[in-house]
Structure formats: structure tokens, C-alpha cells
Amino acid sequence: MDFVLEICLIGFIIYLVYKLYFFKKKYINAISFFEDKLTQKELEFNLAIDKLQSSFAQEQYFLKERQTELNLKEIELLSNISDLENRLQEETEAKKKVVSQKKSSEVRLGHIAETLAPFLDQFDFDPESCTFLGKPIDYISFDDDQITFIEVKSGNSQLNAKQRHIRDQIKAGLVSWKEVRIK
């Protein structure tokens, strides 16, 4: 019986070795399978990272190109603004000069009109009874029945503040007579 027991024990050991070998083979295959899967996932992951890095590099390149374009446009626009500001300043100075010349000619025309007014048809007073003052009132007419203050205006010109004040005083009757005797 010892012999049968030994044979059973040897058979059992052989069976265990066989099962262990088979289990080890399955274990190695499983590890290899998972390693292959991990390696495949790593490869896919690395490919995805490479694609992302390539895409990122392209985007950076396009951004640098766009930034360069924008910088050039900004320089161009700043140059245009500077040119336009210079032109505006030149035009403003030219306009001021023309306006000044126009006003000067209007003033000269006004003085001529004031001087010639007594000889024009619109002047309703006898030139011989008028005395030219010039400022602030142009003429005073000394007729037999009344004394009239006359201001001659041409075009769209208006009374200045002092002339309006004198007009208002006359209309309010704030005119008086004063005789000064020098000894």
C-alpha cells in the first residue's frame, strides 16, 4: 500500500506541476495580453500627445503670424492717424487764415459802408446834418425836430454789447444834457 500511495502521491505531484505549468502559462499570457494592451494604449496616448503637440505648434505659428500682421496693421494705422492729424492741423490753419481774411475784409467793407452811408439811397437823413463819430456810434443826426443816433451795419452784422447798451439807454430815455464851461 505504500507503493500505491507513493504512486498516487507522484501522480498528484505531476498533476499539480501540470496545473501549475498550465496556470503559469495562462498567467504569462494574461500579463502579456495586458502588457500588449498597455503598450497599445501607451502608443495611442503618445500618438495623441504628438498630434496635440503638432497642432499646438501650428497654432503657435499661426498666432505669431497673426500677431506680426496685427503689429504691421497697427503701425500702418498709427501712421495714417498721424498723417490725418497733420492734414487736419494744416486744414484748420488754412481755414483760420481764410476766416481771418474774410473777417478782415468784412470789417473793411463795413468801414467803407459807414463812410459812404450818407450818400446811399437807404440813408434817410440829410448828410449835412449828420456828424460822423465812428465809435461806438457811427453818426449823430442833428435835425430841426429831433436828434438821432445812427449805427450803420452791412450784411448780417449785429450790434456789439456796447452798442446794444447805448441803444437800450436811449430807448429808456436815459439821455441827458450837460454843459461844461472852461474858464
C-alpha atoms as a PDB file:
ATOM      1  CA  MET A   1       0.000   0.000   0.000  1.00  0.00           C
ATOM      2  CA  ASP A   2       2.877   2.266   0.437  1.00  0.00           C
ATOM      3  CA  PHE A   3       3.648   1.717  -3.119  1.00  0.00           C
ATOM      4  CA  VAL A   4       0.161   2.717  -4.242  1.00  0.00           C
ATOM      5  CA  LEU A   5       0.302   5.692  -2.004  1.00  0.00           C
ATOM      6  CA  GLU A   6       3.623   6.753  -3.462  1.00  0.00           C
ATOM      7  CA  ILE A   7       2.297   6.364  -6.986  1.00  0.00           C
ATOM      8  CA  CYS A   8      -0.769   8.381  -6.067  1.00  0.00           C
ATOM      9  CA  LEU A   9       1.394  10.975  -4.467  1.00  0.00           C
ATOM     10  CA  ILE A  10       3.709  11.126  -7.502  1.00  0.00           C
ATOM     11  CA  GLY A  11       0.643  11.328  -9.775  1.00  0.00           C
ATOM     12  CA  PHE A  12      -0.754  14.082  -7.641  1.00  0.00           C
ATOM     13  CA  ILE A  13       2.565  15.948  -7.762  1.00  0.00           C
ATOM     14  CA  ILE A  14       2.689  15.522 -11.560  1.00  0.00           C
ATOM     15  CA  TYR A  15      -0.885  16.751 -11.751  1.00  0.00           C
ATOM     16  CA  LEU A  16      -0.002  19.759  -9.584  1.00  0.00           C
ATOM     17  CA  VAL A  17       3.078  20.525 -11.682  1.00  0.00           C
ATOM     18  CA  TYR A  18       0.950  20.240 -14.826  1.00  0.00           C
ATOM     19  CA  LYS A  19      -1.723  22.531 -13.379  1.00  0.00           C
ATOM     20  CA  LEU A  20       0.936  24.930 -12.126  1.00  0.00           C
ATOM     21  CA  TYR A  21       2.583  24.935 -15.561  1.00  0.00           C
ATOM     22  CA  PHE A  22      -0.782  25.472 -17.253  1.00  0.00           C
ATOM     23  CA  PHE A  23      -1.720  28.189 -14.738  1.00  0.00           C
ATOM     24  CA  LYS A  24       1.700  29.864 -15.191  1.00  0.00           C
ATOM     25  CA  LYS A  25       1.215  29.772 -18.989  1.00  0.00           C
ATOM     26  CA  LYS A  26      -2.225  31.386 -18.634  1.00  0.00           C
ATOM     27  CA  TYR A  27      -0.767  33.921 -16.198  1.00  0.00           C
ATOM     28  CA  ILE A  28       2.055  34.808 -18.601  1.00  0.00           C
ATOM     29  CA  ASN A  29      -0.448  35.060 -21.473  1.00  0.00           C
ATOM     30  CA  ALA A  30      -2.672  37.336 -19.379  1.00  0.00           C
ATOM     31  CA  ILE A  31       0.266  39.525 -18.384  1.00  0.00           C
ATOM     32  CA  SER A  32       1.425  39.594 -22.000  1.00  0.00           C
ATOM     33  CA  PHE A  33      -2.122  40.454 -23.102  1.00  0.00           C
ATOM     34  CA  PHE A  34      -2.374  43.288 -20.587  1.00  0.00           C
ATOM     35  CA  GLU A  35       1.129  44.469 -21.424  1.00  0.00           C
ATOM     36  CA  ASP A  36       0.167  44.473 -25.109  1.00  0.00           C
ATOM     37  CA  LYS A  37      -2.979  46.360 -24.233  1.00  0.00           C
ATOM     38  CA  LEU A  38      -0.999  48.819 -22.094  1.00  0.00           C
ATOM     39  CA  THR A  39       1.607  49.176 -24.800  1.00  0.00           C
ATOM     40  CA  GLN A  40      -1.112  49.752 -27.385  1.00  0.00           C
ATOM     41  CA  LYS A  41      -2.793  52.319 -25.119  1.00  0.00           C
ATOM     42  CA  GLU A  42       0.582  53.968 -24.489  1.00  0.00           C
ATOM     43  CA  LEU A  43       1.185  54.107 -28.225  1.00  0.00           C
ATOM     44  CA  GLU A  44      -2.268  55.592 -28.815  1.00  0.00           C
ATOM     45  CA  PHE A  45      -1.696  58.045 -25.977  1.00  0.00           C
ATOM     46  CA  ASN A  46       1.740  59.021 -27.314  1.00  0.00           C
ATOM     47  CA  LEU A  47       0.264  59.454 -30.816  1.00  0.00           C
ATOM     48  CA  ALA A  48      -2.482  61.655 -29.392  1.00  0.00           C
ATOM     49  CA  ILE A  49       0.109  63.713 -27.478  1.00  0.00           C
ATOM     50  CA  ASP A  50       2.232  64.033 -30.628  1.00  0.00           C
ATOM     51  CA  LYS A  51      -0.811  65.171 -32.607  1.00  0.00           C
ATOM     52  CA  LEU A  52      -1.703  67.690 -29.902  1.00  0.00           C
ATOM     53  CA  GLN A  53       1.859  68.988 -29.742  1.00  0.00           C
ATOM     54  CA  SER A  54       1.963  69.319 -33.528  1.00  0.00           C
ATOM     55  CA  SER A  55      -1.396  71.085 -33.535  1.00  0.00           C
ATOM     56  CA  PHE A  56      -0.245  73.337 -30.700  1.00  0.00           C
ATOM     57  CA  ALA A  57       2.960  74.200 -32.571  1.00  0.00           C
ATOM     58  CA  GLN A  58       0.926  75.024 -35.687  1.00  0.00           C
ATOM     59  CA  GLU A  59      -1.434  77.214 -33.679  1.00  0.00           C
ATOM     60  CA  GLN A  60       1.518  78.999 -32.083  1.00  0.00           C
ATOM     61  CA  TYR A  61       2.997  79.611 -35.537  1.00  0.00           C
ATOM     62  CA  PHE A  62      -0.332  80.955 -36.846  1.00  0.00           C
ATOM     63  CA  LEU A  63      -0.695  83.144 -33.746  1.00  0.00           C
ATOM     64  CA  LYS A  64       2.807  84.572 -34.252  1.00  0.00           C
ATOM     65  CA  GLU A  65       1.997  85.234 -37.914  1.00  0.00           C
ATOM     66  CA  ARG A  66      -1.276  86.901 -36.964  1.00  0.00           C
ATOM     67  CA  GLN A  67       0.471  88.943 -34.245  1.00  0.00           C
ATOM     68  CA  THR A  68       3.023  90.115 -36.821  1.00  0.00           C
ATOM     69  CA  GLU A  69       0.219  91.049 -39.228  1.00  0.00           C
ATOM     70  CA  LEU A  70      -1.603  92.929 -36.464  1.00  0.00           C
ATOM     71  CA  ASN A  71       1.576  94.774 -35.456  1.00  0.00           C
ATOM     72  CA  LEU A  72       2.133  95.826 -39.072  1.00  0.00           C
ATOM     73  CA  LYS A  73      -1.506  96.947 -39.369  1.00  0.00           C
ATOM     74  CA  GLU A  74      -1.189  98.883 -36.099  1.00  0.00           C
ATOM     75  CA  ILE A  75       1.945 100.638 -37.368  1.00  0.00           C
ATOM     76  CA  GLU A  76       0.189 101.423 -40.647  1.00  0.00           C
ATOM     77  CA  LEU A  77      -2.914 102.741 -38.864  1.00  0.00           C
ATOM     78  CA  LEU A  78      -0.838 104.857 -36.473  1.00  0.00           C
ATOM     79  CA  SER A  79       0.992 106.289 -39.463  1.00  0.00           C
ATOM     80  CA  ASN A  80      -2.340 107.031 -41.165  1.00  0.00           C
ATOM     81  CA  ILE A  81      -3.656 108.675 -37.994  1.00  0.00           C
ATOM     82  CA  SER A  82      -0.531 110.819 -37.764  1.00  0.00           C
ATOM     83  CA  ASP A  83      -0.877 111.838 -41.418  1.00  0.00           C
ATOM     84  CA  LEU A  84      -4.554 112.640 -40.947  1.00  0.00           C
ATOM     85  CA  GLU A  85      -3.835 114.678 -37.812  1.00  0.00           C
ATOM     86  CA  ASN A  86      -1.189 116.646 -39.729  1.00  0.00           C
ATOM     87  CA  ARG A  87      -3.608 117.225 -42.608  1.00  0.00           C
ATOM     88  CA  LEU A  88      -6.328 118.267 -40.143  1.00  0.00           C
ATOM     89  CA  GLN A  89      -3.956 120.735 -38.494  1.00  0.00           C
ATOM     90  CA  GLU A  90      -2.942 122.152 -41.892  1.00  0.00           C
ATOM     91  CA  GLU A  91      -6.585 122.421 -42.976  1.00  0.00           C
ATOM     92  CA  THR A  92      -7.515 124.045 -39.647  1.00  0.00           C
ATOM     93  CA  GLU A  93      -4.736 126.602 -40.017  1.00  0.00           C
ATOM     94  CA  ALA A  94      -5.759 127.264 -43.621  1.00  0.00           C
ATOM     95  CA  LYS A  95      -9.391 127.677 -42.531  1.00  0.00           C
ATOM     96  CA  LYS A  96      -8.389 130.060 -39.731  1.00  0.00           C
ATOM     97  CA  LYS A  97      -6.404 132.093 -42.216  1.00  0.00           C
ATOM     98  CA  VAL A  98      -9.323 132.252 -44.671  1.00  0.00           C
ATOM     99  CA  VAL A  99     -11.779 133.114 -41.876  1.00  0.00           C
ATOM    100  CA  SER A 100      -9.430 135.822 -40.625  1.00  0.00           C
ATOM    101  CA  GLN A 101      -9.078 137.254 -44.122  1.00  0.00           C
ATOM    102  CA  LYS A 102     -12.853 137.092 -44.594  1.00  0.00           C
ATOM    103  CA  LYS A 103     -13.491 138.885 -41.299  1.00  0.00           C
ATOM    104  CA  SER A 104     -10.852 141.470 -42.119  1.00  0.00           C
ATOM    105  CA  SER A 105     -12.449 142.119 -45.498  1.00  0.00           C
ATOM    106  CA  GLU A 106     -15.885 142.312 -43.844  1.00  0.00           C
ATOM    107  CA  VAL A 107     -14.559 144.888 -41.354  1.00  0.00           C
ATOM    108  CA  ARG A 108     -13.009 146.929 -44.171  1.00  0.00           C
ATOM    109  CA  LEU A 109     -16.247 146.682 -46.146  1.00  0.00           C
ATOM    110  CA  GLY A 110     -18.142 147.794 -43.029  1.00  0.00           C
ATOM    111  CA  HIS A 111     -15.900 150.843 -42.612  1.00  0.00           C
ATOM    112  CA  ILE A 112     -16.360 151.724 -46.268  1.00  0.00           C
ATOM    113  CA  ALA A 113     -20.139 151.299 -45.907  1.00  0.00           C
ATOM    114  CA  GLU A 114     -20.130 153.544 -42.804  1.00  0.00           C
ATOM    115  CA  THR A 115     -18.196 156.220 -44.659  1.00  0.00           C
ATOM    116  CA  LEU A 116     -20.384 156.101 -47.764  1.00  0.00           C
ATOM    117  CA  ALA A 117     -23.710 155.540 -45.956  1.00  0.00           C
ATOM    118  CA  PRO A 118     -24.834 159.208 -46.011  1.00  0.00           C
ATOM    119  CA  PHE A 119     -24.612 159.157 -49.800  1.00  0.00           C
ATOM    120  CA  LEU A 120     -26.649 155.975 -50.333  1.00  0.00           C
ATOM    121  CA  ASP A 121     -30.388 155.752 -51.007  1.00  0.00           C
ATOM    122  CA  GLN A 122     -31.033 153.707 -47.817  1.00  0.00           C
ATOM    123  CA  PHE A 123     -29.756 156.584 -45.638  1.00  0.00           C
ATOM    124  CA  ASP A 124     -32.889 158.544 -44.653  1.00  0.00           C
ATOM    125  CA  PHE A 125     -31.072 161.533 -43.102  1.00  0.00           C
ATOM    126  CA  ASP A 126     -29.630 164.733 -44.561  1.00  0.00           C
ATOM    127  CA  PRO A 127     -25.850 164.154 -44.852  1.00  0.00           C
ATOM    128  CA  GLU A 128     -25.147 167.780 -43.970  1.00  0.00           C
ATOM    129  CA  SER A 129     -26.941 167.456 -40.629  1.00  0.00           C
ATOM    130  CA  CYS A 130     -25.003 164.277 -39.709  1.00  0.00           C
ATOM    131  CA  THR A 131     -21.754 164.161 -37.779  1.00  0.00           C
ATOM    132  CA  PHE A 132     -19.518 161.081 -38.051  1.00  0.00           C
ATOM    133  CA  LEU A 133     -18.328 159.659 -34.719  1.00  0.00           C
ATOM    134  CA  GLY A 134     -17.157 156.197 -35.801  1.00  0.00           C
ATOM    135  CA  LYS A 135     -17.132 154.562 -32.377  1.00  0.00           C
ATOM    136  CA  PRO A 136     -19.175 153.444 -30.578  1.00  0.00           C
ATOM    137  CA  ILE A 137     -21.980 155.018 -32.691  1.00  0.00           C
ATOM    138  CA  ASP A 138     -21.356 155.884 -36.358  1.00  0.00           C
ATOM    139  CA  TYR A 139     -23.386 159.108 -36.775  1.00  0.00           C
ATOM    140  CA  ILE A 140     -25.489 161.599 -34.906  1.00  0.00           C
ATOM    141  CA  SER A 141     -28.068 163.424 -36.947  1.00  0.00           C
ATOM    142  CA  PHE A 142     -28.997 166.874 -35.687  1.00  0.00           C
ATOM    143  CA  ASP A 143     -32.295 167.585 -37.460  1.00  0.00           C
ATOM    144  CA  ASP A 144     -34.543 170.529 -36.575  1.00  0.00           C
ATOM    145  CA  ASP A 145     -37.148 168.368 -34.826  1.00  0.00           C
ATOM    146  CA  GLN A 146     -35.007 165.615 -33.241  1.00  0.00           C
ATOM    147  CA  ILE A 147     -31.531 164.247 -32.590  1.00  0.00           C
ATOM    148  CA  THR A 148     -30.956 160.700 -33.872  1.00  0.00           C
ATOM    149  CA  PHE A 149     -28.148 158.281 -33.095  1.00  0.00           C
ATOM    150  CA  ILE A 150     -27.332 156.228 -36.222  1.00  0.00           C
ATOM    151  CA  GLU A 151     -25.423 152.934 -36.408  1.00  0.00           C
ATOM    152  CA  VAL A 152     -24.657 151.637 -39.926  1.00  0.00           C
ATOM    153  CA  LYS A 153     -24.466 147.842 -40.366  1.00  0.00           C
ATOM    154  CA  SER A 154     -23.837 145.828 -43.521  1.00  0.00           C
ATOM    155  CA  GLY A 155     -24.710 142.218 -44.323  1.00  0.00           C
ATOM    156  CA  ASN A 156     -25.663 140.131 -41.301  1.00  0.00           C
ATOM    157  CA  SER A 157     -23.557 142.066 -38.792  1.00  0.00           C
ATOM    158  CA  GLN A 158     -25.012 142.642 -35.340  1.00  0.00           C
ATOM    159  CA  LEU A 159     -24.673 145.327 -32.701  1.00  0.00           C
ATOM    160  CA  ASN A 160     -21.889 144.640 -30.236  1.00  0.00           C
ATOM    161  CA  ALA A 161     -22.522 144.655 -26.485  1.00  0.00           C
ATOM    162  CA  LYS A 162     -21.579 148.330 -26.008  1.00  0.00           C
ATOM    163  CA  GLN A 163     -23.799 149.427 -28.920  1.00  0.00           C
ATOM    164  CA  ARG A 164     -26.742 147.417 -27.550  1.00  0.00           C
ATOM    165  CA  HIS A 165     -26.218 149.065 -24.153  1.00  0.00           C
ATOM    166  CA  ILE A 166     -26.266 152.556 -25.715  1.00  0.00           C
ATOM    167  CA  ARG A 167     -29.381 151.667 -27.730  1.00  0.00           C
ATOM    168  CA  ASP A 168     -31.139 150.444 -24.567  1.00  0.00           C
ATOM    169  CA  GLN A 169     -30.207 153.619 -22.658  1.00  0.00           C
ATOM    170  CA  ILE A 170     -31.562 155.834 -25.452  1.00  0.00           C
ATOM    171  CA  LYS A 171     -34.807 153.835 -25.667  1.00  0.00           C
ATOM    172  CA  ALA A 172     -35.192 154.086 -21.883  1.00  0.00           C
ATOM    173  CA  GLY A 173     -34.794 157.861 -22.069  1.00  0.00           C
ATOM    174  CA  LEU A 174     -31.540 157.851 -20.141  1.00  0.00           C
ATOM    175  CA  VAL A 175     -30.058 160.636 -22.263  1.00  0.00           C
ATOM    176  CA  SER A 176     -29.117 163.890 -20.620  1.00  0.00           C
ATOM    177  CA  TRP A 177     -27.569 167.287 -21.434  1.00  0.00           C
ATOM    178  CA  LYS A 178     -24.546 168.652 -19.670  1.00  0.00           C
ATOM    179  CA  GLU A 179     -22.825 171.936 -20.395  1.00  0.00           C
ATOM    180  CA  VAL A 180     -19.196 172.255 -19.360  1.00  0.00           C
ATOM    181  CA  ARG A 181     -17.642 175.740 -19.167  1.00  0.00           C
ATOM    182  CA  ILE A 182     -13.941 176.140 -19.190  1.00  0.00           C
ATOM    183  CA  LYS A 183     -12.559 179.374 -17.700  1.00  0.00           C
END
